[in-house]
Protein backbone atom coordinates (compact mmCIF):
# COMPACT_ATOMS: atom_id res chain seq x y z
CA MET A 1 1.67 36.77 18.41
CA ARG A 2 -2.15 35.81 19.35
CA ARG A 3 -3.08 37.49 15.84
CA LEU A 4 -0.40 35.60 13.95
CA ASN A 5 -1.51 32.24 15.59
CA ALA A 6 -5.26 32.95 14.82
CA ALA A 7 -4.41 33.96 11.43
CA LEU A 8 -2.38 30.74 10.98
CA LEU A 9 -4.92 28.64 12.19
CA ALA A 10 -7.71 30.38 9.77
CA VAL A 11 -5.41 29.92 6.69
CA ALA A 12 -4.99 26.11 7.87
CA LEU A 13 -8.64 25.42 8.18
CA MET A 14 -9.30 27.10 4.64
CA VAL A 15 -6.65 25.10 2.86
CA GLY A 16 -8.08 22.04 4.74
CA LEU A 17 -11.66 22.46 3.24
CA ALA A 18 -10.61 24.09 -0.25
CA GLY A 19 -11.60 21.85 -3.04
CA CYS A 20 -14.45 20.21 -1.10
CA ALA A 21 -17.65 20.00 -3.15
CA GLY A 22 -21.16 20.23 -1.62
CA LYS A 23 -21.65 21.83 1.77
CA ALA A 24 -18.45 22.80 3.56
CA ALA A 25 -17.29 20.16 6.13
CA THR A 26 -16.78 21.48 9.68
CA PRO A 27 -15.14 19.93 12.65
CA LEU A 28 -18.41 18.62 13.69
CA ASP A 29 -18.87 16.87 10.46
CA PRO A 30 -16.61 14.00 10.51
CA ILE A 31 -18.21 12.92 6.99
CA GLN A 32 -19.27 14.85 4.48
CA VAL A 33 -22.27 13.65 3.00
CA PHE A 34 -23.54 15.17 -0.53
CA ALA A 35 -27.27 15.52 -1.36
CA PRO A 36 -28.26 13.69 -4.27
CA ALA A 37 -28.45 16.67 -6.77
CA ASP A 38 -24.62 17.17 -5.58
CA ARG A 39 -23.07 13.91 -6.29
CA LYS A 40 -20.42 13.48 -8.94
CA ALA A 41 -19.92 9.96 -10.79
CA GLY A 42 -17.35 7.74 -9.23
CA PRO A 43 -14.96 6.13 -11.55
CA GLU A 44 -14.94 2.46 -12.23
CA LEU A 45 -12.39 0.81 -9.88
CA THR A 46 -10.28 -2.09 -11.18
CA GLY A 47 -7.08 -3.26 -10.18
CA GLU A 48 -4.73 -6.28 -8.75
CA LEU A 49 -6.35 -7.69 -5.57
CA LEU A 50 -3.64 -7.58 -2.79
CA ASP A 51 -3.87 -10.98 -2.00
CA GLY A 52 -2.92 -12.11 -5.27
CA THR A 53 -6.06 -14.06 -6.16
CA GLY A 54 -7.03 -11.90 -9.30
CA THR A 55 -8.41 -8.67 -10.31
CA TYR A 56 -10.98 -6.61 -8.65
CA ASP A 57 -13.75 -4.79 -10.64
CA SER A 58 -16.28 -2.74 -9.13
CA ALA A 59 -18.84 -3.25 -12.00
CA LYS A 60 -19.40 -6.64 -10.38
CA PHE A 61 -20.95 -4.62 -7.67
CA ALA A 62 -23.30 -2.31 -9.64
CA GLY A 63 -26.32 -1.22 -7.81
CA LYS A 64 -24.66 -1.74 -4.15
CA VAL A 65 -23.26 1.10 -1.98
CA LEU A 66 -19.40 0.81 -2.09
CA VAL A 67 -17.15 1.98 0.57
CA VAL A 68 -13.73 2.61 -0.67
CA ASN A 69 -11.12 3.19 1.86
CA PHE A 70 -7.30 4.43 0.99
CA TRP A 71 -5.02 3.13 3.53
CA GLY A 72 -1.41 1.93 4.17
CA SER A 73 0.21 -0.41 6.48
CA TRP A 74 2.50 2.35 7.51
CA CYS A 75 -0.36 4.90 8.55
CA GLY A 76 -1.12 4.95 12.30
CA PRO A 77 -4.68 6.39 11.79
CA CYS A 78 -5.36 3.47 9.29
CA VAL A 79 -4.32 0.97 11.83
CA GLY A 80 -6.59 2.48 14.44
CA GLU A 81 -9.53 2.61 11.99
CA ALA A 82 -9.31 -0.90 10.59
CA PRO A 83 -11.44 -2.53 13.22
CA GLU A 84 -14.16 0.08 12.88
CA LEU A 85 -14.15 -0.34 9.01
CA GLU A 86 -14.36 -4.06 9.39
CA ALA A 87 -17.19 -3.98 11.86
CA THR A 88 -19.41 -1.69 9.73
CA TYR A 89 -18.68 -4.02 6.74
CA GLN A 90 -19.62 -6.91 8.81
CA ALA A 91 -22.92 -5.19 9.97
CA GLN A 92 -23.88 -3.68 6.42
CA GLN A 93 -23.08 -6.45 3.92
CA VAL A 94 -26.78 -7.69 4.54
CA ASN A 95 -27.99 -4.16 3.41
CA GLY A 96 -26.39 -4.21 -0.07
CA VAL A 97 -23.14 -2.70 0.94
CA GLU A 98 -19.60 -3.61 -0.12
CA PHE A 99 -16.21 -2.38 0.97
CA LEU A 100 -13.05 -2.04 -0.71
CA GLY A 101 -9.35 -1.18 0.52
CA VAL A 102 -6.95 0.54 -1.75
CA ASP A 103 -3.56 0.16 -0.42
CA VAL A 104 -1.42 3.12 -1.57
CA LEU A 105 2.32 4.09 -1.02
CA ASP A 106 3.19 0.66 0.51
CA GLN A 107 5.31 -2.49 0.12
CA ARG A 108 3.24 -5.53 -0.83
CA ASP A 109 4.28 -7.71 1.90
CA ASN A 110 3.62 -5.16 4.61
CA ALA A 111 0.32 -4.34 3.05
CA ARG A 112 -0.55 -8.21 2.62
CA ALA A 113 0.22 -8.84 6.24
CA PHE A 114 -1.86 -5.63 7.63
CA ALA A 115 -4.91 -6.61 5.42
CA GLN A 116 -4.63 -10.19 6.33
CA GLN A 117 -4.77 -9.31 9.97
CA ASN A 118 -7.56 -6.67 9.62
CA ASN A 119 -10.05 -6.96 6.99
CA THR A 120 -12.02 -9.69 5.36
CA TYR A 121 -13.25 -7.36 2.64
CA PRO A 122 -10.73 -7.18 -0.77
CA SER A 123 -8.14 -4.76 -1.24
CA ILE A 124 -6.49 -3.44 -4.32
CA PHE A 125 -2.72 -2.95 -4.14
CA ASP A 126 -2.00 0.59 -5.58
CA PRO A 127 1.34 1.92 -4.62
CA ALA A 128 1.31 4.57 -7.02
CA SER A 129 -2.09 5.86 -5.92
CA LYS A 130 -3.39 6.11 -9.36
CA LEU A 131 -6.99 4.95 -8.58
CA ALA A 132 -7.40 8.20 -6.68
CA LEU A 133 -6.93 10.25 -9.64
CA GLY A 134 -10.21 9.08 -10.98
CA PHE A 135 -12.29 10.41 -8.37
CA ALA A 136 -13.86 13.90 -8.86
CA VAL A 137 -13.44 14.55 -4.96
CA GLN A 138 -9.77 13.16 -4.86
CA PRO A 139 -8.53 11.69 -1.62
CA ASN A 140 -5.73 14.16 -0.75
CA ALA A 141 -4.57 12.47 2.45
CA VAL A 142 -4.54 8.98 4.00
CA PRO A 143 -6.86 7.57 5.27
CA VAL A 144 -9.59 8.75 3.29
CA THR A 145 -13.01 7.01 2.90
CA ILE A 146 -15.35 7.56 -0.09
CA ILE A 147 -18.72 6.18 -0.20
CA LEU A 148 -20.65 5.67 -3.73
CA ASP A 149 -24.21 5.36 -3.65
CA ARG A 150 -26.14 2.83 -5.39
CA GLN A 151 -25.90 4.74 -8.82
CA GLY A 152 -21.88 4.91 -8.39
CA ARG A 153 -21.99 8.50 -7.39
CA ILE A 154 -19.86 10.13 -4.51
CA ALA A 155 -22.21 10.26 -1.89
CA ALA A 156 -19.77 11.00 1.11
CA VAL A 157 -16.32 11.56 2.00
CA ALA A 158 -14.40 11.31 5.30
CA ARG A 159 -10.93 12.80 5.17
CA ALA A 160 -9.82 11.47 8.28
CA ALA A 161 -9.67 7.86 10.19
CA VAL A 162 -13.38 6.99 10.83
CA VAL A 163 -14.98 5.19 13.72
CA ARG A 164 -18.14 2.91 13.47
CA THR A 165 -20.56 5.28 15.36
CA GLU A 166 -19.94 7.80 12.49
CA LEU A 167 -19.49 5.84 9.56
CA GLU A 168 -22.30 3.11 10.00
CA PRO A 169 -25.41 5.62 10.33
CA VAL A 170 -24.12 7.14 6.84
CA VAL A 171 -23.62 4.03 5.02
CA ALA A 172 -26.94 2.81 6.57
CA SER A 173 -28.71 5.79 5.31
CA LEU A 174 -27.27 5.22 1.74
CA ALA A 175 -28.04 1.52 1.59
CA ALA A 176 -31.75 2.70 2.44
CA GLU A 177 -31.91 5.06 -0.55
CA ALA A 178 -33.75 3.73 -3.66
CA ALA A 179 -31.59 2.78 -6.52
């Protein structure tokens, strides 16, 4: 029985790590950071703003680090990480960092209420999760946070809820990179 449990655990770990580019993430690496030579281009992100005030276009933020967080109001870990993301956003704006939430698989009213209560940065309403398909390193769960460098390349990925003490040093380091 122990061998079976160990084998199942090994398979689960391999499946969880499959498809990741760059160095393999480990349980000690909550955020996978890619070397500049290994970074793939991120997509242009456009969509209807959750608050109904218009359309978001990431092209307006060219040359900035962009932290993209895929979330849902129904997601417990998303609820837990929301204050951590907001605190990092508030601290890193001065360093040329922008944040974007992408609300997926959600109802607009629930999502809007969640965003108004938790975030001051913009969120796109994407209930079909179509924006995720544009990433070379696709989000395959919720929450997922993808950080684009100043050249719009995928520089880091967190495939679980983030905390400020882990996220902010990565964001600050990418913000300090030359454009």
